C-alpha cells in the first residue's frame, strides 16, 4: 500500500515540478552554449571542463545516498504498516492491553525513519554548496583566462563580460537541479520500489488455442498428481481422484495435509509438476483461466465483503443480475430475513470489513453470492468453522440449496457436517490414505474413524 501511495506520490510530485524545469533548462543550456560558441569557442571549451567534475561529484554522492533514500521509503512503508495494523486490530490491542507495546513499536519505527532520513539529507545536502563552489571557481578561471586574452588583444572586455553572464545562465539550471537533488533521489528510490512490483511475474498467459468452457457437467479427475510449492518439499504425492457430476466430495485430514492445496490446483492458482487434472475430460492447462474460474464457485472460511451495499456484494457473483435475482439468491441462502431487518435492507452500506454484520451473516451473504454465480463446480472451504451451532444449521441448509445438482468439494474439520457426502477423501502428509462413504470409513476403523470418534467424545463431554 505504501508503494502505491507514498512512492507513487513522490514520483508524481517530482515529475510535475521537474518536467517543465527540465524542458526550460535544456532550452536555456542549448541557447547559452550557442551564444558562448559565437563569442569565443576557446572559452566555451574551458567553461565545459567543469561539467565532468560536477558529474563525478554528484554520482559519487548519489551512489552513497541512494541506499539511504531507498531505506527511508522502506521504513516509511513499515511505519504505515504498523499504523494500519493498530487501527484494524485495535480491539485485539485493547483486549490484551498492549497499547504501550504498540506505541513503543511505533516510536522505534519512527525513530528509525528519522535517523535514516537525517543521514540521507546530510549527505545529499553537500551537493548544492559543492556545485556552487565549482561554479565560482569556474567563473574566476574564465575571468582570469579572459583577462589574459584581453591583454593579448585577442578579445575585448565586453566579450569577457558577456561570456561570464552567459556562463552564469549556463550553470543556473545545474544549480536548480542540484537544489532539487533530495526530491529526485526520493523519487528514484520510490520508482525502484514501484518497478519491483511491476516486474513481478504475472500468471502465465493462456495458450493461443486455450479452450473456453461454455457449460460443463462437473466431472473432475486428478490423475497421479504431484505438487510442491518450493520444488524441494513435496506437498501432494500421487493423488488420484475421480468425481462424477453432481457428487459431493469431502476432503478431510489434519492441518497442513494438503486439502486446500488440492483446491488451489483445481482453480489453477498453481500448476502441478506431474500428472494431470481434467474437467469433463479436458486437461485444465488447456482451458482458458477466466473460463475455468467462472465455472467455479468458492465459499471460503474468511467471508470477504466490500464496503458497498448488501445488494452489490451479492451481485458481485454475477454483475448483470437483476434485483429480483439477487433477492432470490438471498432467500435460497437463508439471508433474506436478516437483510430485511437491516436499516436500509438490501441498500444498507456495509462498513469496512463488514464489521456491522455477524460472522454468520457474512457467511450467508457469500453463499448468496455463490448461488447467484450459479457455478458448475462448487468449493466450500471451512464455511461453517467459525459460527455457532444454530447459525451453522442455517448455513448448512443454505449450502444444501447451493450444492443441488453441482459437483461439490467440501473441506471441513467438523466431521458431522460431511456425513452425507458422496465420497469422503482422507488426506495425510500429502497422500490419500482412505476413501469411501461415512459408514464405510467408520467400519474400517482407520484414520477417519479415530478422527470422528475423537470429535464425538469431545462433543459428548
Protein backbone atom coordinates (compact mmCIF):
# COMPACT_ATOMS: atom_id res chain seq x y z
CA UNK A 1 0.00 0.00 0.00
CA UNK A 2 2.88 2.36 0.80
CA UNK A 3 4.37 1.73 -2.64
CA UNK A 4 1.04 2.55 -4.29
CA UNK A 5 0.57 5.75 -2.27
CA UNK A 6 3.76 7.33 -0.87
CA UNK A 7 6.18 6.14 -3.56
CA UNK A 8 3.91 6.94 -6.49
CA UNK A 9 3.07 10.34 -4.93
CA UNK A 10 6.79 11.13 -4.70
CA UNK A 11 7.31 10.17 -8.33
CA UNK A 12 4.25 12.18 -9.41
CA UNK A 13 5.26 15.30 -7.48
CA UNK A 14 8.81 15.16 -8.83
CA UNK A 15 7.59 14.77 -12.40
CA UNK A 16 5.09 17.61 -12.00
CA UNK A 17 7.70 20.04 -10.64
CA UNK A 18 10.69 18.88 -12.68
CA UNK A 19 9.26 18.30 -16.15
CA UNK A 20 8.74 21.98 -17.02
CA UNK A 21 12.02 22.86 -15.35
CA UNK A 22 13.95 20.23 -17.32
CA UNK A 23 12.45 21.43 -20.61
CA UNK A 24 13.26 25.08 -19.85
CA UNK A 25 16.74 24.07 -18.62
CA UNK A 26 17.52 22.21 -21.85
CA UNK A 27 16.40 25.21 -23.92
CA UNK A 28 18.44 27.57 -21.72
CA UNK A 29 21.58 25.39 -21.92
CA UNK A 30 21.34 25.00 -25.71
CA UNK A 31 20.82 28.73 -26.19
CA UNK A 32 23.71 29.75 -23.92
CA UNK A 33 26.11 27.22 -25.49
CA UNK A 34 25.33 28.58 -28.95
CA UNK A 35 25.93 32.15 -27.78
CA UNK A 36 29.17 31.19 -25.96
CA UNK A 37 30.48 29.42 -29.07
CA UNK A 38 29.63 32.51 -31.09
CA UNK A 39 31.52 34.75 -28.64
CA UNK A 40 34.60 32.54 -28.15
CA UNK A 41 34.97 28.78 -28.79
CA UNK A 42 38.10 28.50 -26.63
CA UNK A 43 36.43 30.00 -23.52
CA UNK A 44 33.43 27.76 -24.20
CA UNK A 45 35.72 24.71 -24.09
CA UNK A 46 37.24 25.95 -20.80
CA UNK A 47 33.77 26.51 -19.36
CA UNK A 48 32.76 22.94 -20.27
CA UNK A 49 35.69 21.44 -18.35
CA UNK A 50 33.83 21.88 -15.06
CA UNK A 51 30.92 19.63 -16.21
CA UNK A 52 32.76 16.26 -15.82
CA UNK A 53 33.88 17.30 -12.31
CA UNK A 54 30.31 18.15 -11.34
CA UNK A 55 29.04 14.83 -12.73
CA UNK A 56 31.76 12.89 -10.90
CA UNK A 57 30.98 14.53 -7.53
CA UNK A 58 27.22 14.13 -7.99
CA UNK A 59 27.49 10.46 -8.98
CA UNK A 60 29.79 9.68 -6.04
CA UNK A 61 27.42 11.27 -3.52
CA UNK A 62 24.33 9.86 -5.24
CA UNK A 63 25.78 6.36 -5.08
CA UNK A 64 26.07 6.64 -1.29
CA UNK A 65 22.80 8.43 -0.64
CA UNK A 66 20.57 6.27 -2.86
CA UNK A 67 20.59 3.38 -0.40
CA UNK A 68 19.59 5.78 2.39
CA UNK A 69 16.67 7.15 0.37
CA UNK A 70 15.62 3.59 -0.50
CA UNK A 71 15.83 2.60 3.18
CA UNK A 72 13.85 5.72 4.02
CA UNK A 73 10.98 4.65 1.74
CA UNK A 74 11.08 1.09 3.14
CA UNK A 75 10.98 2.45 6.71
CA UNK A 76 8.05 4.68 5.78
CA UNK A 77 6.22 1.63 4.41
CA UNK A 78 6.91 -0.29 7.62
CA UNK A 79 5.63 2.62 9.70
CA UNK A 80 2.43 2.80 7.66
CA UNK A 81 2.01 -0.95 8.10
CA UNK A 82 2.24 -0.62 11.89
CA UNK A 83 -0.38 2.16 11.86
CA UNK A 84 -2.74 0.15 9.63
CA UNK A 85 -2.41 -2.97 11.81
CA UNK A 86 -3.06 -0.98 15.00
CA UNK A 87 -6.20 0.59 13.55
CA UNK A 88 -7.63 -2.63 12.07
CA UNK A 89 -6.67 -4.67 15.14
CA UNK A 90 -7.50 -2.09 17.81
CA UNK A 91 -9.93 -4.41 19.62
CA UNK A 92 -7.23 -7.06 19.97
CA UNK A 93 -4.74 -4.45 21.18
CA UNK A 94 -7.17 -3.26 23.85
CA UNK A 95 -8.24 -6.75 24.93
CA UNK A 96 -4.63 -7.72 25.62
CA UNK A 97 -3.78 -4.20 26.94
CA UNK A 98 -0.88 -3.86 24.52
CA UNK A 99 -1.29 -0.12 23.92
CA UNK A 100 2.11 0.70 25.41
CA UNK A 101 3.77 -2.07 23.39
CA UNK A 102 2.24 -0.77 20.15
CA UNK A 103 3.24 2.82 20.98
CA UNK A 104 6.79 1.61 21.68
CA UNK A 105 6.88 -0.26 18.37
CA UNK A 106 5.61 2.83 16.56
CA UNK A 107 8.18 5.08 18.24
CA UNK A 108 11.03 2.70 17.39
CA UNK A 109 9.96 2.55 13.75
CA UNK A 110 9.50 6.34 13.68
CA UNK A 111 13.00 6.84 15.15
CA UNK A 112 14.49 4.53 12.53
CA UNK A 113 12.78 6.55 9.80
CA UNK A 114 14.08 9.79 11.32
CA UNK A 115 17.69 8.54 11.59
CA UNK A 116 17.75 7.24 8.02
CA UNK A 117 16.13 10.46 6.74
CA UNK A 118 18.71 12.63 8.53
CA UNK A 119 21.61 10.63 7.07
CA UNK A 120 20.14 10.90 3.59
CA UNK A 121 19.57 14.67 3.91
CA UNK A 122 23.03 15.38 5.36
CA UNK A 123 24.87 13.51 2.60
CA UNK A 124 22.71 14.88 -0.20
CA UNK A 125 22.98 18.37 1.33
CA UNK A 126 26.64 18.56 0.30
CA UNK A 127 25.77 18.68 -3.39
CA UNK A 128 24.35 22.26 -3.78
CA UNK A 129 27.26 24.02 -2.00
CA UNK A 130 29.85 21.91 -3.84
CA UNK A 131 28.24 22.74 -7.19
CA UNK A 132 28.19 26.44 -6.28
CA UNK A 133 31.84 26.28 -5.24
CA UNK A 134 32.82 24.68 -8.56
CA UNK A 135 30.79 27.30 -10.45
CA UNK A 136 32.51 30.16 -8.62
CA UNK A 137 35.93 28.62 -9.28
CA UNK A 138 34.91 28.25 -12.91
CA UNK A 139 33.87 31.94 -13.10
CA UNK A 140 37.20 33.01 -11.64
CA UNK A 141 39.07 30.73 -14.03
CA UNK A 142 37.17 32.11 -17.05
CA UNK A 143 37.71 35.68 -15.85
CA UNK A 144 41.45 35.04 -15.47
CA UNK A 145 41.86 33.44 -18.90
CA UNK A 146 39.58 36.06 -20.42
CA UNK A 147 41.68 38.83 -18.89
CA UNK A 148 44.86 37.25 -20.27
CA UNK A 149 43.22 37.05 -23.72
CA UNK A 150 42.15 40.71 -23.42
CA UNK A 151 45.72 41.76 -22.57
CA UNK A 152 46.87 39.91 -25.69
CA UNK A 153 44.14 41.86 -27.52
CA UNK A 154 42.57 38.61 -28.76
CA UNK A 155 39.15 39.50 -27.31
CA UNK A 156 37.62 42.61 -25.78
CA UNK A 157 36.49 43.30 -22.23
CA UNK A 158 32.88 43.43 -23.47
CA UNK A 159 33.17 39.88 -24.79
CA UNK A 160 34.51 38.70 -21.41
CA UNK A 161 31.63 40.38 -19.55
CA UNK A 162 29.04 38.89 -21.93
CA UNK A 163 30.68 35.46 -21.73
CA UNK A 164 30.65 35.42 -17.92
CA UNK A 165 26.98 36.41 -17.98
CA UNK A 166 26.18 33.52 -20.36
CA UNK A 167 28.29 31.21 -18.22
CA UNK A 168 26.05 32.04 -15.25
CA UNK A 169 23.00 31.34 -17.40
CA UNK A 170 24.57 28.00 -18.32
CA UNK A 171 25.16 26.92 -14.70
CA UNK A 172 21.83 28.21 -13.33
CA UNK A 173 19.79 25.13 -14.46
CA UNK A 174 22.51 22.88 -13.00
CA UNK A 175 22.23 24.69 -9.65
CA UNK A 176 18.44 24.36 -9.69
CA UNK A 177 18.68 20.62 -10.32
CA UNK A 178 21.26 20.33 -7.53
CA UNK A 179 18.86 22.07 -5.14
CA UNK A 180 16.19 19.51 -6.06
CA UNK A 181 18.56 16.60 -5.58
CA UNK A 182 16.74 15.31 -2.47
CA UNK A 183 13.42 15.22 -4.27
CA UNK A 184 14.97 13.47 -7.27
CA UNK A 185 16.65 10.84 -5.11
CA UNK A 186 13.42 10.16 -3.20
CA UNK A 187 11.58 9.77 -6.50
CA UNK A 188 14.25 7.41 -7.84
CA UNK A 189 14.07 5.30 -4.66
CA UNK A 190 10.28 5.22 -4.93
CA UNK A 191 10.48 4.28 -8.61
CA UNK A 192 12.74 1.33 -7.79
CA UNK A 193 10.19 0.03 -5.26
CA UNK A 194 7.30 0.51 -7.70
CA UNK A 195 9.19 -1.23 -10.52
CA UNK A 196 9.85 -4.19 -8.20
CA UNK A 197 6.08 -4.78 -8.15
CA UNK A 198 5.70 -4.11 -11.87
CA UNK A 199 8.48 -6.61 -12.62
CA UNK A 200 6.82 -9.38 -10.61
CA UNK A 201 5.98 -12.25 -12.92
CA UNK A 202 2.21 -12.44 -13.54
CA UNK A 203 0.33 -15.65 -14.12
CA UNK A 204 1.42 -17.47 -17.24
CA UNK A 205 -0.63 -16.40 -20.19
CA UNK A 206 -3.05 -18.90 -21.66
CA UNK A 207 -2.01 -20.61 -24.83
CA UNK A 208 -3.47 -19.24 -28.04
CA UNK A 209 -5.54 -22.38 -28.57
CA UNK A 210 -6.85 -22.43 -24.96
CA UNK A 211 -10.38 -23.78 -24.73
CA UNK A 212 -13.26 -21.65 -23.43
CA UNK A 213 -15.78 -23.68 -21.45
CA UNK A 214 -19.41 -22.99 -22.21
CA UNK A 215 -21.29 -25.41 -19.97
CA UNK A 216 -19.67 -28.26 -18.05
CA UNK A 217 -21.19 -31.30 -16.41
CA UNK A 218 -18.77 -31.27 -13.44
CA UNK A 219 -16.74 -34.45 -13.95
CA UNK A 220 -13.33 -33.96 -12.31
CA UNK A 221 -10.30 -36.26 -12.46
CA UNK A 222 -6.98 -35.99 -10.61
CA UNK A 223 -4.53 -38.45 -12.18
CA UNK A 224 -1.17 -39.15 -10.50
CA UNK A 225 -0.83 -35.53 -9.32
CA UNK A 226 2.43 -34.47 -7.66
CA UNK A 227 2.96 -30.92 -6.41
CA UNK A 228 5.36 -28.88 -4.29
CA UNK A 229 5.46 -25.12 -3.64
CA UNK A 230 9.25 -24.80 -3.46
CA UNK A 231 10.28 -27.80 -5.61
CA UNK A 232 12.02 -29.29 -2.56
CA UNK A 233 9.29 -30.29 -0.13
CA UNK A 234 6.53 -32.40 -1.75
CA UNK A 235 3.04 -31.33 -0.69
CA UNK A 236 0.93 -33.76 -2.74
CA UNK A 237 2.15 -37.20 -3.78
CA UNK A 238 0.47 -39.36 -6.43
CA UNK A 239 -3.06 -38.05 -5.79
CA UNK A 240 -5.80 -39.83 -7.74
CA UNK A 241 -9.41 -38.65 -7.54
CA UNK A 242 -12.39 -39.35 -9.80
CA UNK A 243 -15.54 -37.33 -9.15
CA UNK A 244 -18.71 -37.79 -11.16
CA UNK A 245 -21.04 -34.90 -12.00
CA UNK A 246 -23.22 -33.86 -9.07
CA UNK A 247 -21.19 -35.72 -6.43
CA UNK A 248 -20.15 -34.14 -3.13
CA UNK A 249 -16.54 -34.85 -2.19
CA UNK A 250 -15.41 -34.11 1.36
CA UNK A 251 -11.69 -33.55 1.93
CA UNK A 252 -10.67 -34.49 5.48
CA UNK A 253 -7.33 -34.52 7.25
CA UNK A 254 -5.08 -32.72 9.73
CA UNK A 255 -3.85 -29.16 9.23
CA UNK A 256 -1.21 -29.00 6.53
CA UNK A 257 -2.20 -32.31 4.96
CA UNK A 258 -2.81 -30.71 1.53
CA UNK A 259 -6.59 -30.20 1.41
CA UNK A 260 -6.53 -26.52 0.42
CA UNK A 261 -3.66 -27.23 -1.99
CA UNK A 262 -5.97 -29.52 -3.99
CA UNK A 263 -8.40 -26.59 -4.31
CA UNK A 264 -5.59 -24.21 -5.34
CA UNK A 265 -4.59 -26.63 -8.09
CA UNK A 266 -8.16 -27.06 -9.32
CA UNK A 267 -8.52 -23.27 -9.64
CA UNK A 268 -5.06 -23.04 -11.27
CA UNK A 269 -3.60 -20.67 -8.72
CA UNK A 270 -0.67 -23.06 -9.10
CA UNK A 271 0.26 -25.55 -11.81
CA UNK A 272 1.16 -29.14 -10.99
CA UNK A 273 4.62 -30.58 -11.65
CA UNK A 274 3.44 -34.08 -12.57
CA UNK A 275 0.21 -35.75 -13.57
CA UNK A 276 -2.96 -34.09 -14.82
CA UNK A 277 -6.21 -32.53 -13.62
CA UNK A 278 -9.16 -32.81 -16.01
CA UNK A 279 -12.63 -31.32 -16.10
CA UNK A 280 -15.04 -33.15 -18.36
CA UNK A 281 -12.03 -34.98 -19.80
CA UNK A 282 -10.14 -31.79 -20.73
CA UNK A 283 -6.80 -31.00 -19.05
CA UNK A 284 -7.25 -27.71 -17.16
CA UNK A 285 -3.90 -26.47 -18.55
CA UNK A 286 -5.64 -26.34 -21.93
CA UNK A 287 -8.61 -24.38 -20.56
CA UNK A 288 -8.73 -20.59 -20.57
CA UNK A 289 -8.20 -19.42 -16.96
CA UNK A 290 -11.07 -16.93 -16.98
CA UNK A 291 -13.40 -19.54 -18.43
CA UNK A 292 -12.24 -22.12 -15.87
CA UNK A 293 -12.68 -19.88 -12.84
CA UNK A 294 -16.05 -18.58 -13.98
CA UNK A 295 -17.24 -22.20 -13.83
CA UNK A 296 -16.17 -22.47 -10.18
CA UNK A 297 -17.89 -21.06 -7.11
CA UNK A 298 -15.89 -20.68 -3.90
CA UNK A 299 -17.12 -20.04 -0.36
CA UNK A 300 -14.18 -19.52 1.96
CA UNK A 301 -13.80 -19.68 5.73
CA UNK A 302 -12.99 -15.97 5.86
CA UNK A 303 -16.01 -14.25 4.33
CA UNK A 304 -14.83 -11.13 2.49
CA UNK A 305 -17.30 -8.37 1.76
CA UNK A 306 -16.70 -4.97 0.19
CA UNK A 307 -17.65 -1.58 1.64
CA UNK A 308 -20.69 -1.46 -0.61
CA UNK A 309 -24.39 -2.16 -0.29
CA UNK A 310 -25.59 -5.65 0.61
CA UNK A 311 -27.20 -5.88 -2.83
CA UNK A 312 -23.94 -5.11 -4.67
CA UNK A 313 -21.98 -7.53 -2.51
CA UNK A 314 -24.32 -10.35 -3.53
CA UNK A 315 -24.36 -9.14 -7.15
CA UNK A 316 -20.56 -9.49 -7.21
CA UNK A 317 -21.24 -13.16 -8.06
CA UNK A 318 -22.84 -12.12 -11.37
CA UNK A 319 -22.65 -8.45 -12.26
CA UNK A 320 -25.53 -8.49 -14.74
CA UNK A 321 -28.01 -10.00 -12.26
CA UNK A 322 -31.30 -8.17 -11.67
CA UNK A 323 -32.52 -7.07 -8.23
CA UNK A 324 -35.07 -9.89 -8.27
CA UNK A 325 -32.35 -12.47 -8.93
CA UNK A 326 -30.26 -11.03 -6.11
CA UNK A 327 -33.17 -11.32 -3.66
CA UNK A 328 -33.98 -14.83 -4.88
CA UNK A 329 -30.39 -15.89 -4.19
CA UNK A 330 -30.56 -14.31 -0.72
CA UNK A 331 -33.73 -16.28 0.05
CA UNK A 332 -32.10 -19.56 -1.01
CA UNK A 333 -29.14 -18.69 1.23
CA UNK A 334 -31.40 -18.01 4.24
CA UNK A 335 -30.13 -14.43 4.27
CA UNK A 336 -33.31 -12.59 3.19
CA UNK A 337 -34.82 -12.27 6.68
CA UNK A 338 -31.82 -10.71 8.39
CA UNK A 339 -31.20 -8.42 5.38
CA UNK A 340 -34.76 -7.06 5.74
CA UNK A 341 -34.01 -6.20 9.37
CA UNK A 342 -31.02 -4.03 8.39
CA UNK A 343 -31.58 -0.22 8.47
CA UNK A 344 -31.89 0.14 4.68
CA UNK A 345 -32.42 -3.52 3.81
CA UNK A 346 -30.59 -4.53 0.65
CA UNK A 347 -29.36 -0.95 0.24
CA UNK A 348 -27.54 -0.93 3.60
CA UNK A 349 -23.90 0.01 3.07
CA UNK A 350 -21.54 -2.33 4.89
CA UNK A 351 -18.77 -0.81 6.96
CA UNK A 352 -15.11 -1.66 6.48
CA UNK A 353 -14.60 -5.43 6.83
CA UNK A 354 -18.40 -5.65 7.22
CA UNK A 355 -18.00 -5.14 10.96
CA UNK A 356 -21.71 -4.25 11.25
CA UNK A 357 -22.60 -7.90 10.48
CA UNK A 358 -22.01 -11.07 12.48
CA UNK A 359 -19.70 -13.78 11.16
CA UNK A 360 -22.67 -15.99 10.32
CA UNK A 361 -24.43 -13.19 8.43
CA UNK A 362 -21.27 -12.53 6.40
CA UNK A 363 -21.06 -16.20 5.50
CA UNK A 364 -24.69 -16.30 4.39
CA UNK A 365 -24.05 -13.35 2.06
CA UNK A 366 -21.06 -15.11 0.49
CA UNK A 367 -23.25 -18.19 -0.04
CA UNK A 368 -25.90 -15.99 -1.67
CA UNK A 369 -23.15 -14.58 -3.89
CA UNK A 370 -22.13 -18.11 -4.91
CA UNK A 371 -25.76 -19.11 -5.57
CA UNK A 372 -26.15 -16.09 -7.85
CA UNK A 373 -22.98 -17.02 -9.75
CA UNK A 374 -24.57 -20.41 -10.49
CA UNK A 375 -21.26 -22.32 -10.85
CA UNK A 376 -20.97 -25.84 -12.21
CA UNK A 377 -18.39 -26.82 -9.60
CA UNK A 378 -18.66 -25.63 -6.01
CA UNK A 379 -15.85 -25.33 -3.45
CA UNK A 380 -16.67 -24.91 0.26
CA UNK A 381 -13.57 -24.30 2.37
CA UNK A 382 -14.40 -24.48 6.10
CA UNK A 383 -17.53 -22.41 5.53
CA UNK A 384 -19.04 -23.20 8.96
CA UNK A 385 -15.93 -23.39 11.15
CA UNK A 386 -16.28 -20.03 12.87
CA UNK A 387 -20.01 -19.87 13.69
CA UNK A 388 -22.24 -21.15 16.45
CA UNK A 389 -24.34 -24.31 16.16
CA UNK A 390 -27.64 -22.51 15.43
CA UNK A 391 -26.07 -20.38 12.71
CA UNK A 392 -24.33 -23.48 11.39
CA UNK A 393 -27.75 -25.07 10.84
CA UNK A 394 -28.88 -22.08 8.73
CA UNK A 395 -25.63 -22.14 6.77
CA UNK A 396 -25.88 -25.90 6.27
CA UNK A 397 -29.39 -25.51 4.89
CA UNK A 398 -28.19 -22.72 2.58
CA UNK A 399 -25.27 -24.86 1.42
CA UNK A 400 -27.57 -27.78 0.63
CA UNK A 401 -29.58 -25.44 -1.62
CA UNK A 402 -26.33 -24.30 -3.22
CA UNK A 403 -24.97 -27.84 -3.75
CA UNK A 404 -28.04 -29.25 -5.50
CA UNK A 405 -27.07 -30.63 -8.91
CA UNK A 406 -23.47 -29.43 -8.61
CA UNK A 407 -20.16 -31.18 -8.18
CA UNK A 408 -19.01 -30.00 -4.76
CA UNK A 409 -15.70 -30.06 -2.91
CA UNK A 410 -16.10 -29.59 0.84
CA UNK A 411 -13.22 -29.03 3.24
CA UNK A 412 -14.35 -29.45 6.82
CA UNK A 413 -12.87 -30.15 10.23
CA UNK A 414 -16.33 -30.65 11.75
CA UNK A 415 -16.92 -34.18 10.52
CA UNK A 416 -20.61 -34.05 11.48
CA UNK A 417 -21.17 -31.64 8.55
CA UNK A 418 -19.99 -34.09 5.88
CA UNK A 419 -21.75 -37.32 6.85
CA UNK A 420 -23.95 -37.22 3.75
CA UNK A 421 -21.09 -36.65 1.29
CA UNK A 422 -20.97 -38.98 -1.72
CA UNK A 423 -17.34 -39.68 -1.02
CA UNK A 424 -15.04 -38.76 1.86
CA UNK A 425 -11.35 -38.48 0.99
CA UNK A 426 -8.90 -38.65 3.90
CA UNK A 427 -5.59 -36.92 3.23
CA UNK A 428 -2.50 -37.12 5.41
CA UNK A 429 1.00 -35.93 4.60
CA UNK A 430 0.01 -35.15 1.00
CA UNK A 431 -1.34 -38.61 0.26
CA UNK A 432 -4.83 -40.07 0.04
CA UNK A 433 -4.93 -42.77 2.71
CA UNK A 434 -8.67 -43.56 2.82
CA UNK A 435 -11.68 -43.12 0.55
CA UNK A 436 -15.34 -44.06 0.95
CA UNK A 437 -18.67 -43.05 2.45
CA UNK A 438 -19.07 -42.09 6.10
CA UNK A 439 -20.37 -45.52 7.11
CA UNK A 440 -17.71 -47.36 5.09
CA UNK A 441 -14.87 -45.43 6.68
CA UNK A 442 -16.25 -45.97 10.18
CA UNK A 443 -16.36 -49.72 9.55
CA UNK A 444 -12.71 -49.67 8.52
CA UNK A 445 -11.77 -48.23 11.93
CA UNK A 446 -8.81 -46.39 10.46
CA UNK A 447 -7.65 -42.78 10.40
CA UNK A 448 -11.13 -41.33 9.74
CA UNK A 449 -12.67 -43.47 12.47
CA UNK A 450 -10.16 -42.13 15.01
CA UNK A 451 -10.80 -38.52 13.91
CA UNK A 452 -14.56 -38.94 14.11
CA UNK A 453 -14.54 -40.70 17.48
CA UNK A 454 -12.22 -38.06 18.92
CA UNK A 455 -14.64 -35.28 17.93
CA UNK A 456 -17.66 -37.30 19.06
CA UNK A 457 -16.17 -37.87 22.51
CA UNK A 458 -15.33 -34.16 22.83
CA UNK A 459 -18.89 -33.17 21.98
CA UNK A 460 -20.27 -35.79 24.38
CA UNK A 461 -18.08 -34.48 27.16
